[in-house]
Amino acid sequence: MQDKTPHEPLAGRRILITGGTTGIGRAVLVSLAAQRARVLTFGRDPTALREALAAAELVEKFGLTADAGDPADIERVFAAVDERLGGIDVLVACAGLGAKPIHEMADEDWREVVETNLVGYMACARAALDRMLAQGSGHIVLVSSISPEIKAAGESVYAATKGGIDAFALTLRKEVADEGIRISVIQPGSVGSDMQPCDAEEQREAIARGEMLFAEEIAEAIAFVLTRSSRCDIPLLRIEPIRQKTG
């Protein structure tokens, strides 16, 4: 019997985190930086970006202000990936917006959510794949949600974007499996973050009741996925609080 393949360290790996300035994205930034990865991230708020980079204690602090829903900004982000990281080994897509029911949103608002949550993920995946296919390796992690499964009232637009991510990723996985590239979807349940409608104190109380997770717990799961051996594939990982509400 062969010896078990060792886990893959994160130190030195070139990682782009979209939306790494708040919530899950920021927790991922801090987690991967602590493991000595070379990380570049972006977000729309320059103040949140500065604070996230300061909290992460990065080996090399790379960040820029950009919008995941803007094609020109995505092009600029990947130009920075090439210049500052010299390429990409891992994409972790976290950038996203919350939404109301579609009939309670203006057309431009729900379209912005779709452009950010779904089209932005696909655009980043495409740009990452252009580089990963050329080098014959890479890992793309797309942070989705359990929303498409639970179909809670009020989440029609949000659930549609996350369901699109799931279908895109799990199909793409089959299309690039022979190219040395892995695709993973993370489906969190309720997580304490800026996206939640309740305030910070209410989130702390929900976490204490087991109804909500810390963003850091999702970051730990992503680090787990990224450090498996090259023969181990985790296409889908669902993570819920012990008392996740389903409607």
C-alpha atoms as a PDB file:
ATOM      1  CA  MET A   1       0.000   0.000   0.000  1.00  0.00           C
ATOM      2  CA  GLN A   2       1.306   3.463  -0.886  1.00  0.00           C
ATOM      3  CA  ASP A   3       1.939   6.074   1.764  1.00  0.00           C
ATOM      4  CA  LYS A   4      -0.754   8.700   2.040  1.00  0.00           C
ATOM      5  CA  THR A   5      -0.051  11.820  -0.017  1.00  0.00           C
ATOM      6  CA  PRO A   6       0.754  14.754   2.276  1.00  0.00           C
ATOM      7  CA  HIS A   7      -1.445  17.791   2.479  1.00  0.00           C
ATOM      8  CA  GLU A   8      -0.546  20.754   0.289  1.00  0.00           C
ATOM      9  CA  PRO A   9       0.787  23.726   2.271  1.00  0.00           C
ATOM     10  CA  LEU A  10      -0.588  27.205   1.636  1.00  0.00           C
ATOM     11  CA  ALA A  11       2.711  29.001   2.222  1.00  0.00           C
ATOM     12  CA  GLY A  12       3.840  30.765  -0.914  1.00  0.00           C
ATOM     13  CA  ARG A  13       0.725  29.964  -2.942  1.00  0.00           C
ATOM     14  CA  ARG A  14      -0.582  32.818  -5.099  1.00  0.00           C
ATOM     15  CA  ILE A  15      -4.188  33.467  -4.083  1.00  0.00           C
ATOM     16  CA  LEU A  16      -6.810  35.964  -5.226  1.00  0.00           C
ATOM     17  CA  ILE A  17      -9.718  36.536  -2.833  1.00  0.00           C
ATOM     18  CA  THR A  18     -12.648  38.508  -4.217  1.00  0.00           C
ATOM     19  CA  GLY A  19     -14.569  40.537  -1.658  1.00  0.00           C
ATOM     20  CA  GLY A  20     -11.883  40.045   0.970  1.00  0.00           C
ATOM     21  CA  THR A  21     -12.764  43.198   2.868  1.00  0.00           C
ATOM     22  CA  THR A  22     -15.814  42.085   4.880  1.00  0.00           C
ATOM     23  CA  GLY A  23     -17.572  38.990   6.210  1.00  0.00           C
ATOM     24  CA  ILE A  24     -16.433  35.596   4.957  1.00  0.00           C
ATOM     25  CA  GLY A  25     -13.970  37.139   2.519  1.00  0.00           C
ATOM     26  CA  ARG A  26     -12.162  39.045   5.246  1.00  0.00           C
ATOM     27  CA  ALA A  27     -12.026  35.938   7.460  1.00  0.00           C
ATOM     28  CA  VAL A  28     -10.543  33.976   4.543  1.00  0.00           C
ATOM     29  CA  LEU A  29      -7.969  36.726   3.969  1.00  0.00           C
ATOM     30  CA  VAL A  30      -6.847  36.647   7.597  1.00  0.00           C
ATOM     31  CA  SER A  31      -6.788  32.836   7.685  1.00  0.00           C
ATOM     32  CA  LEU A  32      -4.760  32.302   4.513  1.00  0.00           C
ATOM     33  CA  ALA A  33      -2.370  35.143   5.306  1.00  0.00           C
ATOM     34  CA  ALA A  34      -1.661  33.504   8.685  1.00  0.00           C
ATOM     35  CA  GLN A  35      -0.595  30.407   6.761  1.00  0.00           C
ATOM     36  CA  ARG A  36       1.901  32.492   4.754  1.00  0.00           C
ATOM     37  CA  ALA A  37       0.066  32.483   1.448  1.00  0.00           C
ATOM     38  CA  ARG A  38       0.715  35.330  -0.990  1.00  0.00           C
ATOM     39  CA  VAL A  39      -2.655  37.013  -1.228  1.00  0.00           C
ATOM     40  CA  LEU A  40      -4.230  39.744  -3.302  1.00  0.00           C
ATOM     41  CA  THR A  41      -7.750  40.917  -2.557  1.00  0.00           C
ATOM     42  CA  PHE A  42     -10.182  43.632  -3.538  1.00  0.00           C
ATOM     43  CA  GLY A  43     -13.410  45.257  -2.411  1.00  0.00           C
ATOM     44  CA  ARG A  44     -15.527  48.292  -3.199  1.00  0.00           C
ATOM     45  CA  ASP A  45     -14.897  50.236   0.032  1.00  0.00           C
ATOM     46  CA  PRO A  46     -11.346  51.647   0.376  1.00  0.00           C
ATOM     47  CA  THR A  47     -11.671  52.046   4.157  1.00  0.00           C
ATOM     48  CA  ALA A  48     -12.736  48.414   4.619  1.00  0.00           C
ATOM     49  CA  LEU A  49      -9.890  47.362   2.314  1.00  0.00           C
ATOM     50  CA  ARG A  50      -7.280  49.173   4.411  1.00  0.00           C
ATOM     51  CA  GLU A  51      -8.665  47.689   7.624  1.00  0.00           C
ATOM     52  CA  ALA A  52      -8.742  44.154   6.195  1.00  0.00           C
ATOM     53  CA  LEU A  53      -5.163  44.360   4.942  1.00  0.00           C
ATOM     54  CA  ALA A  54      -4.020  45.665   8.319  1.00  0.00           C
ATOM     55  CA  ALA A  55      -5.824  42.848  10.146  1.00  0.00           C
ATOM     56  CA  ALA A  56      -4.399  40.161   7.878  1.00  0.00           C
ATOM     57  CA  GLU A  57      -0.710  40.790   8.615  1.00  0.00           C
ATOM     58  CA  LEU A  58       0.164  39.710   5.106  1.00  0.00           C
ATOM     59  CA  VAL A  59       3.630  38.674   4.038  1.00  0.00           C
ATOM     60  CA  GLU A  60       3.021  40.914   1.030  1.00  0.00           C
ATOM     61  CA  LYS A  61       0.091  43.335   1.304  1.00  0.00           C
ATOM     62  CA  PHE A  62      -1.658  43.480  -2.049  1.00  0.00           C
ATOM     63  CA  GLY A  63      -5.093  45.022  -2.350  1.00  0.00           C
ATOM     64  CA  LEU A  64      -7.088  47.319  -4.572  1.00  0.00           C
ATOM     65  CA  THR A  65     -10.476  48.941  -4.762  1.00  0.00           C
ATOM     66  CA  ALA A  66     -12.616  47.267  -7.413  1.00  0.00           C
ATOM     67  CA  ASP A  67     -16.158  46.080  -8.127  1.00  0.00           C
ATOM     68  CA  ALA A  68     -16.729  42.400  -8.939  1.00  0.00           C
ATOM     69  CA  GLY A  69     -19.667  43.377 -11.132  1.00  0.00           C
ATOM     70  CA  ASP A  70     -17.594  45.663 -13.392  1.00  0.00           C
ATOM     71  CA  PRO A  71     -15.795  43.933 -16.312  1.00  0.00           C
ATOM     72  CA  ALA A  72     -13.184  46.707 -16.513  1.00  0.00           C
ATOM     73  CA  ASP A  73     -12.416  46.303 -12.812  1.00  0.00           C
ATOM     74  CA  ILE A  74     -12.029  42.520 -13.175  1.00  0.00           C
ATOM     75  CA  GLU A  75      -9.546  43.097 -15.994  1.00  0.00           C
ATOM     76  CA  ARG A  76      -7.651  45.507 -13.747  1.00  0.00           C
ATOM     77  CA  VAL A  77      -7.659  43.022 -10.858  1.00  0.00           C
ATOM     78  CA  PHE A  78      -6.133  40.262 -12.959  1.00  0.00           C
ATOM     79  CA  ALA A  79      -3.533  42.635 -14.369  1.00  0.00           C
ATOM     80  CA  ALA A  80      -2.551  43.208 -10.726  1.00  0.00           C
ATOM     81  CA  VAL A  81      -2.520  39.435 -10.141  1.00  0.00           C
ATOM     82  CA  ASP A  82      -0.037  39.047 -12.990  1.00  0.00           C
ATOM     83  CA  GLU A  83       2.106  41.985 -11.927  1.00  0.00           C
ATOM     84  CA  ARG A  84       2.176  41.509  -8.175  1.00  0.00           C
ATOM     85  CA  LEU A  85       1.783  37.760  -7.719  1.00  0.00           C
ATOM     86  CA  GLY A  86       3.283  36.606 -11.010  1.00  0.00           C
ATOM     87  CA  GLY A  87       0.267  34.380 -11.686  1.00  0.00           C
ATOM     88  CA  ILE A  88      -2.432  32.582  -9.731  1.00  0.00           C
ATOM     89  CA  ASP A  89      -2.684  29.218  -8.003  1.00  0.00           C
ATOM     90  CA  VAL A  90      -5.990  29.720  -6.177  1.00  0.00           C
ATOM     91  CA  LEU A  91      -9.111  31.819  -6.674  1.00  0.00           C
ATOM     92  CA  VAL A  92     -11.495  32.185  -3.718  1.00  0.00           C
ATOM     93  CA  ALA A  93     -14.619  34.058  -4.839  1.00  0.00           C
ATOM     94  CA  CYS A  94     -16.532  35.658  -1.947  1.00  0.00           C
ATOM     95  CA  ALA A  95     -17.721  39.024  -3.289  1.00  0.00           C
ATOM     96  CA  GLY A  96     -21.480  39.251  -3.063  1.00  0.00           C
ATOM     97  CA  LEU A  97     -24.506  41.398  -2.343  1.00  0.00           C
ATOM     98  CA  GLY A  98     -27.683  40.641  -0.423  1.00  0.00           C
ATOM     99  CA  ALA A  99     -31.093  41.222  -1.985  1.00  0.00           C
ATOM    100  CA  LYS A 100     -34.804  41.640  -1.339  1.00  0.00           C
ATOM    101  CA  PRO A 101     -37.594  39.807  -3.184  1.00  0.00           C
ATOM    102  CA  ILE A 102     -37.442  40.774  -6.854  1.00  0.00           C
ATOM    103  CA  HIS A 103     -40.759  42.657  -6.785  1.00  0.00           C
ATOM    104  CA  GLU A 104     -39.403  44.893  -4.016  1.00  0.00           C
ATOM    105  CA  MET A 105     -36.306  45.902  -5.963  1.00  0.00           C
ATOM    106  CA  ALA A 106     -35.774  48.355  -8.800  1.00  0.00           C
ATOM    107  CA  ASP A 107     -34.602  46.748 -12.045  1.00  0.00           C
ATOM    108  CA  GLU A 108     -31.128  48.250 -11.774  1.00  0.00           C
ATOM    109  CA  ASP A 109     -30.770  46.961  -8.202  1.00  0.00           C
ATOM    110  CA  TRP A 110     -31.626  43.295  -8.778  1.00  0.00           C
ATOM    111  CA  ARG A 111     -29.566  43.322 -11.969  1.00  0.00           C
ATOM    112  CA  GLU A 112     -26.607  44.634  -9.973  1.00  0.00           C
ATOM    113  CA  VAL A 113     -26.962  41.686  -7.588  1.00  0.00           C
ATOM    114  CA  VAL A 114     -26.935  39.233 -10.502  1.00  0.00           C
ATOM    115  CA  GLU A 115     -23.925  40.965 -12.084  1.00  0.00           C
ATOM    116  CA  THR A 116     -21.993  40.852  -8.808  1.00  0.00           C
ATOM    117  CA  ASN A 117     -23.024  37.496  -7.350  1.00  0.00           C
ATOM    118  CA  LEU A 118     -23.149  35.375 -10.496  1.00  0.00           C
ATOM    119  CA  VAL A 119     -21.630  37.112 -13.514  1.00  0.00           C
ATOM    120  CA  GLY A 120     -18.769  38.446 -11.394  1.00  0.00           C
ATOM    121  CA  TYR A 121     -17.976  34.919 -10.166  1.00  0.00           C
ATOM    122  CA  MET A 122     -18.026  33.591 -13.715  1.00  0.00           C
ATOM    123  CA  ALA A 123     -15.825  36.407 -15.002  1.00  0.00           C
ATOM    124  CA  CYS A 124     -13.260  35.833 -12.261  1.00  0.00           C
ATOM    125  CA  ALA A 125     -13.331  32.085 -12.876  1.00  0.00           C
ATOM    126  CA  ARG A 126     -12.793  32.651 -16.602  1.00  0.00           C
ATOM    127  CA  ALA A 127      -9.836  34.968 -16.023  1.00  0.00           C
ATOM    128  CA  ALA A 128      -8.320  32.560 -13.496  1.00  0.00           C
ATOM    129  CA  LEU A 129      -8.811  29.621 -15.870  1.00  0.00           C
ATOM    130  CA  ASP A 130      -6.978  31.432 -18.671  1.00  0.00           C
ATOM    131  CA  ARG A 131      -3.919  31.391 -16.421  1.00  0.00           C
ATOM    132  CA  MET A 132      -4.444  28.023 -14.737  1.00  0.00           C
ATOM    133  CA  LEU A 133      -4.953  26.126 -17.992  1.00  0.00           C
ATOM    134  CA  ALA A 134      -1.666  27.510 -19.305  1.00  0.00           C
ATOM    135  CA  GLN A 135       0.207  26.230 -16.246  1.00  0.00           C
ATOM    136  CA  GLY A 136      -1.733  22.972 -15.913  1.00  0.00           C
ATOM    137  CA  SER A 137      -2.805  23.461 -12.300  1.00  0.00           C
ATOM    138  CA  GLY A 138      -5.033  25.520 -10.042  1.00  0.00           C
ATOM    139  CA  HIS A 139      -7.927  25.507  -7.611  1.00  0.00           C
ATOM    140  CA  ILE A 140     -11.081  27.618  -7.803  1.00  0.00           C
ATOM    141  CA  VAL A 141     -13.267  27.911  -4.702  1.00  0.00           C
ATOM    142  CA  LEU A 142     -16.658  29.581  -5.107  1.00  0.00           C
ATOM    143  CA  VAL A 143     -18.527  30.579  -1.953  1.00  0.00           C
ATOM    144  CA  SER A 144     -22.223  29.922  -2.545  1.00  0.00           C
ATOM    145  CA  SER A 145     -25.013  29.431   0.010  1.00  0.00           C
ATOM    146  CA  ILE A 146     -27.637  26.957   1.179  1.00  0.00           C
ATOM    147  CA  SER A 147     -30.263  29.461  -0.043  1.00  0.00           C
ATOM    148  CA  PRO A 148     -31.064  27.541  -3.260  1.00  0.00           C
ATOM    149  CA  GLU A 149     -31.808  24.475  -1.125  1.00  0.00           C
ATOM    150  CA  ILE A 150     -33.948  26.036   1.612  1.00  0.00           C
ATOM    151  CA  LYS A 151     -35.746  28.544  -0.670  1.00  0.00           C
ATOM    152  CA  ALA A 152     -36.645  30.904   2.173  1.00  0.00           C
ATOM    153  CA  ALA A 153     -39.151  33.651   1.444  1.00  0.00           C
ATOM    154  CA  GLY A 154     -37.415  36.931   0.696  1.00  0.00           C
ATOM    155  CA  GLU A 155     -34.423  35.354  -1.040  1.00  0.00           C
ATOM    156  CA  SER A 156     -35.680  34.892  -4.603  1.00  0.00           C
ATOM    157  CA  VAL A 157     -32.957  36.989  -6.253  1.00  0.00           C
ATOM    158  CA  TYR A 158     -30.176  35.935  -3.895  1.00  0.00           C
ATOM    159  CA  ALA A 159     -31.065  32.240  -4.164  1.00  0.00           C
ATOM    160  CA  ALA A 160     -31.159  32.472  -7.961  1.00  0.00           C
ATOM    161  CA  THR A 161     -27.608  33.804  -8.080  1.00  0.00           C
ATOM    162  CA  LYS A 162     -26.308  31.199  -5.666  1.00  0.00           C
ATOM    163  CA  GLY A 163     -28.094  28.393  -7.504  1.00  0.00           C
ATOM    164  CA  GLY A 164     -26.432  29.629 -10.672  1.00  0.00           C
ATOM    165  CA  ILE A 165     -23.037  29.473  -8.978  1.00  0.00           C
ATOM    166  CA  ASP A 166     -23.663  25.873  -7.917  1.00  0.00           C
ATOM    167  CA  ALA A 167     -24.685  24.739 -11.406  1.00  0.00           C
ATOM    168  CA  PHE A 168     -21.830  26.621 -13.053  1.00  0.00           C
ATOM    169  CA  ALA A 169     -19.161  25.291 -10.716  1.00  0.00           C
ATOM    170  CA  LEU A 170     -20.219  21.658 -10.588  1.00  0.00           C
ATOM    171  CA  THR A 171     -20.468  21.539 -14.386  1.00  0.00           C
ATOM    172  CA  LEU A 172     -17.201  23.416 -14.897  1.00  0.00           C
ATOM    173  CA  ARG A 173     -15.515  20.910 -12.602  1.00  0.00           C
ATOM    174  CA  LYS A 174     -16.170  18.173 -15.163  1.00  0.00           C
ATOM    175  CA  GLU A 175     -14.941  20.347 -18.019  1.00  0.00           C
ATOM    176  CA  VAL A 176     -11.501  21.006 -16.503  1.00  0.00           C
ATOM    177  CA  ALA A 177     -10.931  17.867 -14.412  1.00  0.00           C
ATOM    178  CA  ASP A 178      -8.378  16.523 -16.884  1.00  0.00           C
ATOM    179  CA  GLU A 179      -6.461  19.798 -16.939  1.00  0.00           C
ATOM    180  CA  GLY A 180      -5.161  19.578 -13.359  1.00  0.00           C
ATOM    181  CA  ILE A 181      -7.676  22.118 -12.052  1.00  0.00           C
ATOM    182  CA  ARG A 182     -10.030  21.557  -9.135  1.00  0.00           C
ATOM    183  CA  ILE A 183     -13.330  23.389  -8.590  1.00  0.00           C
ATOM    184  CA  SER A 184     -14.981  23.506  -5.161  1.00  0.00           C
ATOM    185  CA  VAL A 185     -18.256  25.022  -3.961  1.00  0.00           C
ATOM    186  CA  ILE A 186     -18.713  26.067  -0.333  1.00  0.00           C
ATOM    187  CA  GLN A 187     -22.350  26.321   0.824  1.00  0.00           C
ATOM    188  CA  PRO A 188     -22.577  28.163   4.151  1.00  0.00           C
ATOM    189  CA  GLY A 189     -25.721  28.480   6.193  1.00  0.00           C
ATOM    190  CA  SER A 190     -26.343  31.639   8.239  1.00  0.00           C
ATOM    191  CA  VAL A 191     -23.088  33.446   8.995  1.00  0.00           C
ATOM    192  CA  GLY A 192     -22.433  36.553  11.036  1.00  0.00           C
ATOM    193  CA  SER A 193     -21.441  39.255   8.544  1.00  0.00           C
ATOM    194  CA  ASP A 194     -22.208  42.730   7.250  1.00  0.00           C
ATOM    195  CA  MET A 195     -24.721  41.174   4.854  1.00  0.00           C
ATOM    196  CA  GLN A 196     -27.061  40.140   7.661  1.00  0.00           C
ATOM    197  CA  PRO A 197     -30.105  42.386   8.258  1.00  0.00           C
ATOM    198  CA  CYS A 198     -29.641  42.147  12.050  1.00  0.00           C
ATOM    199  CA  ASP A 199     -27.063  44.199  13.969  1.00  0.00           C
ATOM    200  CA  ALA A 200     -23.839  42.945  15.539  1.00  0.00           C
ATOM    201  CA  GLU A 201     -25.368  42.287  18.961  1.00  0.00           C
ATOM    202  CA  GLU A 202     -28.238  40.289  17.467  1.00  0.00           C
ATOM    203  CA  GLN A 203     -25.715  38.280  15.475  1.00  0.00           C
ATOM    204  CA  ARG A 204     -23.711  37.498  18.619  1.00  0.00           C
ATOM    205  CA  GLU A 205     -26.886  36.280  20.303  1.00  0.00           C
ATOM    206  CA  ALA A 206     -27.795  34.123  17.280  1.00  0.00           C
ATOM    207  CA  ILE A 207     -24.301  32.599  17.281  1.00  0.00           C
ATOM    208  CA  ALA A 208     -24.619  31.857  21.005  1.00  0.00           C
ATOM    209  CA  ARG A 209     -27.930  30.057  20.325  1.00  0.00           C
ATOM    210  CA  GLY A 210     -26.351  27.982  17.563  1.00  0.00           C
ATOM    211  CA  GLU A 211     -28.428  29.690  14.872  1.00  0.00           C
ATOM    212  CA  MET A 212     -25.532  31.376  13.107  1.00  0.00           C
ATOM    213  CA  LEU A 213     -21.864  30.631  12.389  1.00  0.00           C
ATOM    214  CA  PHE A 214     -18.734  32.726  12.754  1.00  0.00           C
ATOM    215  CA  ALA A 215     -17.249  33.777   9.411  1.00  0.00           C
ATOM    216  CA  GLU A 216     -13.994  32.266  10.654  1.00  0.00           C
ATOM    217  CA  GLU A 217     -15.590  28.817  10.650  1.00  0.00           C
ATOM    218  CA  ILE A 218     -16.191  29.119   6.908  1.00  0.00           C
ATOM    219  CA  ALA A 219     -12.622  30.320   6.438  1.00  0.00           C
ATOM    220  CA  GLU A 220     -11.360  27.243   8.283  1.00  0.00           C
ATOM    221  CA  ALA A 221     -13.370  25.020   5.948  1.00  0.00           C
ATOM    222  CA  ILE A 222     -11.924  26.756   2.893  1.00  0.00           C
ATOM    223  CA  ALA A 223      -8.392  26.276   4.223  1.00  0.00           C
ATOM    224  CA  PHE A 224      -9.221  22.589   4.717  1.00  0.00           C
ATOM    225  CA  VAL A 225     -10.392  22.259   1.104  1.00  0.00           C
ATOM    226  CA  LEU A 226      -7.279  24.002  -0.223  1.00  0.00           C
ATOM    227  CA  THR A 227      -4.823  21.867   1.700  1.00  0.00           C
ATOM    228  CA  ARG A 228      -6.012  18.390   0.662  1.00  0.00           C
ATOM    229  CA  SER A 229      -3.638  16.231  -1.337  1.00  0.00           C
ATOM    230  CA  SER A 230      -3.590  16.476  -5.115  1.00  0.00           C
ATOM    231  CA  ARG A 231      -5.563  13.220  -5.426  1.00  0.00           C
ATOM    232  CA  CYS A 232      -8.367  14.437  -3.151  1.00  0.00           C
ATOM    233  CA  ASP A 233     -11.218  16.453  -4.638  1.00  0.00           C
ATOM    234  CA  ILE A 234     -13.933  18.218  -2.612  1.00  0.00           C
ATOM    235  CA  PRO A 235     -16.489  19.467  -5.123  1.00  0.00           C
ATOM    236  CA  LEU A 236     -19.112  20.512  -2.575  1.00  0.00           C
ATOM    237  CA  LEU A 237     -18.986  21.308   1.138  1.00  0.00           C
ATOM    238  CA  ARG A 238     -22.105  22.395   3.026  1.00  0.00           C
ATOM    239  CA  ILE A 239     -21.744  23.994   6.461  1.00  0.00           C
ATOM    240  CA  GLU A 240     -24.682  24.929   8.701  1.00  0.00           C
ATOM    241  CA  PRO A 241     -25.182  26.114  12.254  1.00  0.00           C
ATOM    242  CA  ILE A 242     -26.667  23.434  14.460  1.00  0.00           C
ATOM    243  CA  ARG A 243     -30.059  25.185  14.432  1.00  0.00           C
ATOM    244  CA  GLN A 244     -30.176  26.566  10.904  1.00  0.00           C
ATOM    245  CA  LYS A 245     -33.584  28.003  10.100  1.00  0.00           C
ATOM    246  CA  THR A 246     -35.132  26.780   6.864  1.00  0.00           C
ATOM    247  CA  GLY A 247     -37.793  29.375   6.277  1.00  0.00           C
END
